[in-house]
Amino acid sequence: LLFFDISIGCIMRAGGWILCGVIAVTCSFDAWLPKQREAQALVLPQRRQLRTARFASGEGSLEPRALILDCDGVIADSEHLHREAYNEVFAEFGLDTSWSKEYYDELQNKIGGGKPKMRYHFGIHGWPASSLGPAPKEEADQDKLIDALQDRKTEIYRKYVADGRSSARPGIVELIDTSLDRPDLKTAICSAGTREAAQQVLMA
């Protein structure tokens, strides 16, 4: 498996696309198909003539050449653990902040990555005081708080996974095995989380 420490969710709102022969799955499989069909309905009318010309000339192929899988929520049923880890670290650092399931779902559909999520949230709701000191006003102090929260959150999340609180989604192991058995298909993992957190999930 190749590993991409990047986020593609922000540009693949449909949850999965076939783009230049690459299948990218960024949401749960039960939600992927209807979203992918809806997204195709938006772009196909504008591209139908171009695609027809390209494939008629042999310049393109509908056969996928790579399978890119998001980690949390696709490979592992672990997305909820991130929210719980954030809430735990917020409490640990003395922040009067708690993210509900509904709010976190909205937040993760807007912002990729843990640090950008916190920066976005605090930018709207105000930077909090914490065990590190008063509410930071300077960007350097804000970065220090974000870094400390994210580092500790990653430790908490990895402990959740190590304790067996994350499980593979149904059918995903078989899908990956099938993909790896195909010499014509590259297989990769992408994640908006830290490399360490994603690797912890993959090794669980």
C-alpha atoms as a PDB file:
ATOM      1  CA  LEU A   1       0.000   0.000   0.000  1.00  0.00           C
ATOM      2  CA  LEU A   2       1.199   3.467  -0.838  1.00  0.00           C
ATOM      3  CA  PHE A   3       0.450   6.117   1.778  1.00  0.00           C
ATOM      4  CA  PHE A   4      -0.495   9.694   0.944  1.00  0.00           C
ATOM      5  CA  ASP A   5      -0.452  12.038   3.947  1.00  0.00           C
ATOM      6  CA  ILE A   6      -2.803  14.462   2.199  1.00  0.00           C
ATOM      7  CA  SER A   7      -6.472  15.401   2.188  1.00  0.00           C
ATOM      8  CA  ILE A   8      -8.522  15.002  -0.969  1.00  0.00           C
ATOM      9  CA  GLY A   9     -11.897  15.226   0.737  1.00  0.00           C
ATOM     10  CA  CYS A  10     -12.057  18.987   0.179  1.00  0.00           C
ATOM     11  CA  ILE A  11     -12.028  18.564  -3.600  1.00  0.00           C
ATOM     12  CA  MET A  12     -14.115  15.403  -3.723  1.00  0.00           C
ATOM     13  CA  ARG A  13     -17.348  16.461  -2.088  1.00  0.00           C
ATOM     14  CA  ALA A  14     -19.176  13.570  -3.706  1.00  0.00           C
ATOM     15  CA  GLY A  15     -17.253  11.172  -1.512  1.00  0.00           C
ATOM     16  CA  GLY A  16     -15.762   9.292  -4.431  1.00  0.00           C
ATOM     17  CA  TRP A  17     -14.738  10.041  -7.989  1.00  0.00           C
ATOM     18  CA  ILE A  18     -13.149   8.364 -10.959  1.00  0.00           C
ATOM     19  CA  LEU A  19     -10.660  10.981 -12.081  1.00  0.00           C
ATOM     20  CA  CYS A  20      -7.973  10.268 -14.682  1.00  0.00           C
ATOM     21  CA  GLY A  21      -8.356   6.551 -14.015  1.00  0.00           C
ATOM     22  CA  VAL A  22      -8.114   6.921 -10.245  1.00  0.00           C
ATOM     23  CA  ILE A  23     -10.905   5.790  -7.943  1.00  0.00           C
ATOM     24  CA  ALA A  24     -10.884   7.845  -4.758  1.00  0.00           C
ATOM     25  CA  VAL A  25     -13.223   6.796  -1.967  1.00  0.00           C
ATOM     26  CA  THR A  26     -13.541   9.379   0.815  1.00  0.00           C
ATOM     27  CA  CYS A  27     -16.771   8.406   2.571  1.00  0.00           C
ATOM     28  CA  SER A  28     -18.538   5.266   3.734  1.00  0.00           C
ATOM     29  CA  PHE A  29     -19.445   2.844   0.952  1.00  0.00           C
ATOM     30  CA  ASP A  30     -23.169   2.976   1.723  1.00  0.00           C
ATOM     31  CA  ALA A  31     -23.108   6.727   1.135  1.00  0.00           C
ATOM     32  CA  TRP A  32     -20.656   6.725  -1.755  1.00  0.00           C
ATOM     33  CA  LEU A  33     -22.738   5.411  -4.650  1.00  0.00           C
ATOM     34  CA  PRO A  34     -25.702   7.817  -4.495  1.00  0.00           C
ATOM     35  CA  LYS A  35     -23.379  10.780  -3.953  1.00  0.00           C
ATOM     36  CA  GLN A  36     -21.172   9.719  -6.826  1.00  0.00           C
ATOM     37  CA  ARG A  37     -24.177   9.415  -9.136  1.00  0.00           C
ATOM     38  CA  GLU A  38     -25.410  12.846  -8.067  1.00  0.00           C
ATOM     39  CA  ALA A  39     -21.994  14.372  -8.732  1.00  0.00           C
ATOM     40  CA  GLN A  40     -21.768  12.720 -12.130  1.00  0.00           C
ATOM     41  CA  ALA A  41     -25.170  14.145 -13.052  1.00  0.00           C
ATOM     42  CA  LEU A  42     -23.742  17.614 -12.501  1.00  0.00           C
ATOM     43  CA  VAL A  43     -20.603  17.267 -14.592  1.00  0.00           C
ATOM     44  CA  LEU A  44     -21.465  14.746 -17.292  1.00  0.00           C
ATOM     45  CA  PRO A  45     -23.652  17.016 -19.444  1.00  0.00           C
ATOM     46  CA  GLN A  46     -20.801  19.513 -19.861  1.00  0.00           C
ATOM     47  CA  ARG A  47     -18.192  16.838 -20.552  1.00  0.00           C
ATOM     48  CA  ARG A  48     -20.099  14.251 -22.575  1.00  0.00           C
ATOM     49  CA  GLN A  49     -18.986  15.519 -25.984  1.00  0.00           C
ATOM     50  CA  LEU A  50     -15.347  15.830 -24.911  1.00  0.00           C
ATOM     51  CA  ARG A  51     -15.338  12.344 -23.377  1.00  0.00           C
ATOM     52  CA  THR A  52     -16.987  10.829 -26.443  1.00  0.00           C
ATOM     53  CA  ALA A  53     -14.303  12.292 -28.678  1.00  0.00           C
ATOM     54  CA  ARG A  54     -11.453  11.233 -26.402  1.00  0.00           C
ATOM     55  CA  PHE A  55     -12.560   7.660 -25.872  1.00  0.00           C
ATOM     56  CA  ALA A  56     -13.495   7.227 -29.547  1.00  0.00           C
ATOM     57  CA  SER A  57      -9.949   8.190 -30.454  1.00  0.00           C
ATOM     58  CA  GLY A  58      -8.489   5.813 -27.853  1.00  0.00           C
ATOM     59  CA  GLU A  59      -6.971   8.624 -25.781  1.00  0.00           C
ATOM     60  CA  GLY A  60      -8.748   7.659 -22.589  1.00  0.00           C
ATOM     61  CA  SER A  61      -9.988   4.613 -20.744  1.00  0.00           C
ATOM     62  CA  LEU A  62     -12.790   4.000 -18.284  1.00  0.00           C
ATOM     63  CA  GLU A  63     -10.740   1.282 -16.621  1.00  0.00           C
ATOM     64  CA  PRO A  64      -9.449   2.475 -13.217  1.00  0.00           C
ATOM     65  CA  ARG A  65      -5.681   2.509 -12.758  1.00  0.00           C
ATOM     66  CA  ALA A  66      -5.547   3.234  -9.035  1.00  0.00           C
ATOM     67  CA  LEU A  67      -7.631   2.858  -5.903  1.00  0.00           C
ATOM     68  CA  ILE A  68      -7.169   5.581  -3.267  1.00  0.00           C
ATOM     69  CA  LEU A  69      -8.932   4.982   0.035  1.00  0.00           C
ATOM     70  CA  ASP A  70      -9.501   7.463   2.806  1.00  0.00           C
ATOM     71  CA  CYS A  71      -8.643   6.033   6.213  1.00  0.00           C
ATOM     72  CA  ASP A  72     -11.223   7.106   8.806  1.00  0.00           C
ATOM     73  CA  GLY A  73     -14.788   6.245   7.889  1.00  0.00           C
ATOM     74  CA  VAL A  74     -13.769   4.251   4.802  1.00  0.00           C
ATOM     75  CA  ILE A  75     -11.187   1.693   5.920  1.00  0.00           C
ATOM     76  CA  ALA A  76     -11.988   1.944   9.609  1.00  0.00           C
ATOM     77  CA  ASP A  77     -15.097   2.862  11.536  1.00  0.00           C
ATOM     78  CA  SER A  78     -13.116   5.409  13.526  1.00  0.00           C
ATOM     79  CA  GLU A  79     -14.292   8.901  12.586  1.00  0.00           C
ATOM     80  CA  HIS A  80     -16.221   9.264  15.834  1.00  0.00           C
ATOM     81  CA  LEU A  81     -13.050   8.572  17.803  1.00  0.00           C
ATOM     82  CA  HIS A  82     -11.452  11.760  16.480  1.00  0.00           C
ATOM     83  CA  ARG A  83     -14.309  13.861  17.878  1.00  0.00           C
ATOM     84  CA  GLU A  84     -14.119  12.079  21.228  1.00  0.00           C
ATOM     85  CA  ALA A  85     -10.354  12.619  21.348  1.00  0.00           C
ATOM     86  CA  TYR A  86     -10.770  16.339  20.626  1.00  0.00           C
ATOM     87  CA  ASN A  87     -13.343  16.687  23.385  1.00  0.00           C
ATOM     88  CA  GLU A  88     -11.087  14.836  25.801  1.00  0.00           C
ATOM     89  CA  VAL A  89      -8.093  17.044  25.041  1.00  0.00           C
ATOM     90  CA  PHE A  90     -10.243  20.181  25.278  1.00  0.00           C
ATOM     91  CA  ALA A  91     -11.306  19.139  28.785  1.00  0.00           C
ATOM     92  CA  GLU A  92      -7.763  18.146  29.709  1.00  0.00           C
ATOM     93  CA  PHE A  93      -6.452  21.610  28.736  1.00  0.00           C
ATOM     94  CA  GLY A  94      -9.293  23.357  30.565  1.00  0.00           C
ATOM     95  CA  LEU A  95     -11.122  24.635  27.472  1.00  0.00           C
ATOM     96  CA  ASP A  96     -14.833  25.365  27.676  1.00  0.00           C
ATOM     97  CA  THR A  97     -15.280  23.663  24.297  1.00  0.00           C
ATOM     98  CA  SER A  98     -17.117  20.497  23.300  1.00  0.00           C
ATOM     99  CA  TRP A  99     -17.953  19.392  19.761  1.00  0.00           C
ATOM    100  CA  SER A 100     -21.273  17.605  19.305  1.00  0.00           C
ATOM    101  CA  LYS A 101     -21.681  14.890  16.692  1.00  0.00           C
ATOM    102  CA  GLU A 102     -23.818  17.183  14.541  1.00  0.00           C
ATOM    103  CA  TYR A 103     -21.340  20.053  14.753  1.00  0.00           C
ATOM    104  CA  TYR A 104     -18.344  17.832  14.051  1.00  0.00           C
ATOM    105  CA  ASP A 105     -20.045  16.338  10.988  1.00  0.00           C
ATOM    106  CA  GLU A 106     -20.605  19.861   9.681  1.00  0.00           C
ATOM    107  CA  LEU A 107     -17.084  20.929  10.571  1.00  0.00           C
ATOM    108  CA  GLN A 108     -15.334  18.028   8.877  1.00  0.00           C
ATOM    109  CA  ASN A 109     -17.335  18.600   5.702  1.00  0.00           C
ATOM    110  CA  LYS A 110     -15.980  22.158   5.606  1.00  0.00           C
ATOM    111  CA  ILE A 111     -12.420  21.843   6.875  1.00  0.00           C
ATOM    112  CA  GLY A 112      -9.845  19.100   6.372  1.00  0.00           C
ATOM    113  CA  GLY A 113      -7.230  18.335   9.013  1.00  0.00           C
ATOM    114  CA  GLY A 114      -7.279  18.716  12.774  1.00  0.00           C
ATOM    115  CA  LYS A 115      -5.297  21.917  13.147  1.00  0.00           C
ATOM    116  CA  PRO A 116      -7.295  23.780  10.480  1.00  0.00           C
ATOM    117  CA  LYS A 117     -10.521  22.598  12.164  1.00  0.00           C
ATOM    118  CA  MET A 118      -9.480  24.060  15.510  1.00  0.00           C
ATOM    119  CA  ARG A 119      -8.199  27.276  13.959  1.00  0.00           C
ATOM    120  CA  TYR A 120     -11.458  27.685  12.056  1.00  0.00           C
ATOM    121  CA  HIS A 121     -13.554  26.995  15.161  1.00  0.00           C
ATOM    122  CA  PHE A 122     -11.602  29.307  17.457  1.00  0.00           C
ATOM    123  CA  GLY A 123     -11.512  31.982  14.778  1.00  0.00           C
ATOM    124  CA  ILE A 124     -15.309  32.066  14.801  1.00  0.00           C
ATOM    125  CA  HIS A 125     -16.092  31.358  18.456  1.00  0.00           C
ATOM    126  CA  GLY A 126     -13.083  33.073  20.023  1.00  0.00           C
ATOM    127  CA  TRP A 127      -9.698  31.827  21.155  1.00  0.00           C
ATOM    128  CA  PRO A 128      -9.982  30.203  24.589  1.00  0.00           C
ATOM    129  CA  ALA A 129      -7.922  30.408  27.725  1.00  0.00           C
ATOM    130  CA  SER A 130      -6.320  27.101  28.629  1.00  0.00           C
ATOM    131  CA  SER A 131      -3.933  25.470  31.047  1.00  0.00           C
ATOM    132  CA  LEU A 132      -1.166  26.989  28.911  1.00  0.00           C
ATOM    133  CA  GLY A 133      -2.297  30.510  29.764  1.00  0.00           C
ATOM    134  CA  PRO A 134      -4.794  33.224  28.814  1.00  0.00           C
ATOM    135  CA  ALA A 135      -6.518  33.336  25.446  1.00  0.00           C
ATOM    136  CA  PRO A 136      -3.773  33.788  22.842  1.00  0.00           C
ATOM    137  CA  LYS A 137      -3.888  36.973  20.779  1.00  0.00           C
ATOM    138  CA  GLU A 138      -0.690  36.697  18.794  1.00  0.00           C
ATOM    139  CA  GLU A 139      -0.477  34.210  15.934  1.00  0.00           C
ATOM    140  CA  ALA A 140       2.615  32.566  17.422  1.00  0.00           C
ATOM    141  CA  ASP A 141       0.774  31.892  20.683  1.00  0.00           C
ATOM    142  CA  GLN A 142      -2.256  30.605  18.781  1.00  0.00           C
ATOM    143  CA  ASP A 143       0.003  28.209  16.881  1.00  0.00           C
ATOM    144  CA  LYS A 144       1.526  27.032  20.164  1.00  0.00           C
ATOM    145  CA  LEU A 145      -1.919  26.211  21.574  1.00  0.00           C
ATOM    146  CA  ILE A 146      -3.044  24.454  18.393  1.00  0.00           C
ATOM    147  CA  ASP A 147       0.160  22.400  18.233  1.00  0.00           C
ATOM    148  CA  ALA A 148      -0.132  21.338  21.865  1.00  0.00           C
ATOM    149  CA  LEU A 149      -3.785  20.368  21.486  1.00  0.00           C
ATOM    150  CA  GLN A 150      -3.177  18.419  18.287  1.00  0.00           C
ATOM    151  CA  ASP A 151      -0.146  16.553  19.637  1.00  0.00           C
ATOM    152  CA  ARG A 152      -2.040  15.446  22.743  1.00  0.00           C
ATOM    153  CA  LYS A 153      -5.193  14.665  20.737  1.00  0.00           C
ATOM    154  CA  THR A 154      -3.157  12.341  18.493  1.00  0.00           C
ATOM    155  CA  GLU A 155      -1.843  10.504  21.562  1.00  0.00           C
ATOM    156  CA  ILE A 156      -5.377  10.077  22.900  1.00  0.00           C
ATOM    157  CA  TYR A 157      -6.702   8.902  19.542  1.00  0.00           C
ATOM    158  CA  ARG A 158      -3.908   6.378  19.083  1.00  0.00           C
ATOM    159  CA  LYS A 159      -4.684   4.974  22.540  1.00  0.00           C
ATOM    160  CA  TYR A 160      -8.352   4.610  21.566  1.00  0.00           C
ATOM    161  CA  VAL A 161      -7.307   2.603  18.500  1.00  0.00           C
ATOM    162  CA  ALA A 162      -4.763   0.519  20.433  1.00  0.00           C
ATOM    163  CA  ASP A 163      -7.503  -0.319  22.957  1.00  0.00           C
ATOM    164  CA  GLY A 164      -9.569  -1.867  20.168  1.00  0.00           C
ATOM    165  CA  ARG A 165     -12.180   0.859  19.790  1.00  0.00           C
ATOM    166  CA  SER A 166     -11.757   0.977  16.004  1.00  0.00           C
ATOM    167  CA  SER A 167     -12.801  -1.775  13.594  1.00  0.00           C
ATOM    168  CA  ALA A 168     -12.551  -2.372   9.853  1.00  0.00           C
ATOM    169  CA  ARG A 169     -15.656  -1.505   7.893  1.00  0.00           C
ATOM    170  CA  PRO A 170     -17.501  -4.474   6.362  1.00  0.00           C
ATOM    171  CA  GLY A 171     -15.956  -5.668   3.109  1.00  0.00           C
ATOM    172  CA  ILE A 172     -12.980  -3.286   3.135  1.00  0.00           C
ATOM    173  CA  VAL A 173     -10.307  -5.912   3.816  1.00  0.00           C
ATOM    174  CA  GLU A 174     -11.562  -8.042   0.920  1.00  0.00           C
ATOM    175  CA  LEU A 175     -11.618  -4.973  -1.348  1.00  0.00           C
ATOM    176  CA  ILE A 176      -8.017  -4.075  -0.494  1.00  0.00           C
ATOM    177  CA  ASP A 177      -6.861  -7.676  -0.940  1.00  0.00           C
ATOM    178  CA  THR A 178      -8.519  -7.814  -4.356  1.00  0.00           C
ATOM    179  CA  SER A 179      -6.920  -4.519  -5.346  1.00  0.00           C
ATOM    180  CA  LEU A 180      -3.459  -5.639  -4.224  1.00  0.00           C
ATOM    181  CA  ASP A 181      -3.822  -8.845  -6.247  1.00  0.00           C
ATOM    182  CA  ARG A 182      -4.282  -6.820  -9.440  1.00  0.00           C
ATOM    183  CA  PRO A 183      -0.906  -5.875 -10.960  1.00  0.00           C
ATOM    184  CA  ASP A 184      -2.597  -3.267 -13.176  1.00  0.00           C
ATOM    185  CA  LEU A 185      -4.128  -1.397 -10.220  1.00  0.00           C
ATOM    186  CA  LYS A 186      -2.186   0.778  -7.790  1.00  0.00           C
ATOM    187  CA  THR A 187      -3.529   0.957  -4.241  1.00  0.00           C
ATOM    188  CA  ALA A 188      -3.002   3.872  -1.865  1.00  0.00           C
ATOM    189  CA  ILE A 189      -4.196   5.368   1.397  1.00  0.00           C
ATOM    190  CA  CYS A 190      -4.851   9.058   1.930  1.00  0.00           C
ATOM    191  CA  SER A 191      -5.736  10.878   5.129  1.00  0.00           C
ATOM    192  CA  ALA A 192      -6.257  14.391   6.432  1.00  0.00           C
ATOM    193  CA  GLY A 193      -5.078  13.152   9.828  1.00  0.00           C
ATOM    194  CA  THR A 194      -1.507  12.699  10.961  1.00  0.00           C
ATOM    195  CA  ARG A 195       0.566   9.905   9.471  1.00  0.00           C
ATOM    196  CA  GLU A 196       1.020   8.376  12.935  1.00  0.00           C
ATOM    197  CA  ALA A 197      -2.733   8.246  13.577  1.00  0.00           C
ATOM    198  CA  ALA A 198      -3.467   6.693  10.188  1.00  0.00           C
ATOM    199  CA  GLN A 199      -0.720   4.107  10.592  1.00  0.00           C
ATOM    200  CA  GLN A 200      -2.094   3.213  14.020  1.00  0.00           C
ATOM    201  CA  VAL A 201      -5.477   2.486  12.435  1.00  0.00           C
ATOM    202  CA  LEU A 202      -3.929   0.404   9.653  1.00  0.00           C
ATOM    203  CA  MET A 203      -1.934  -1.688  12.110  1.00  0.00           C
ATOM    204  CA  ALA A 204      -4.877  -2.251  14.493  1.00  0.00           C
END
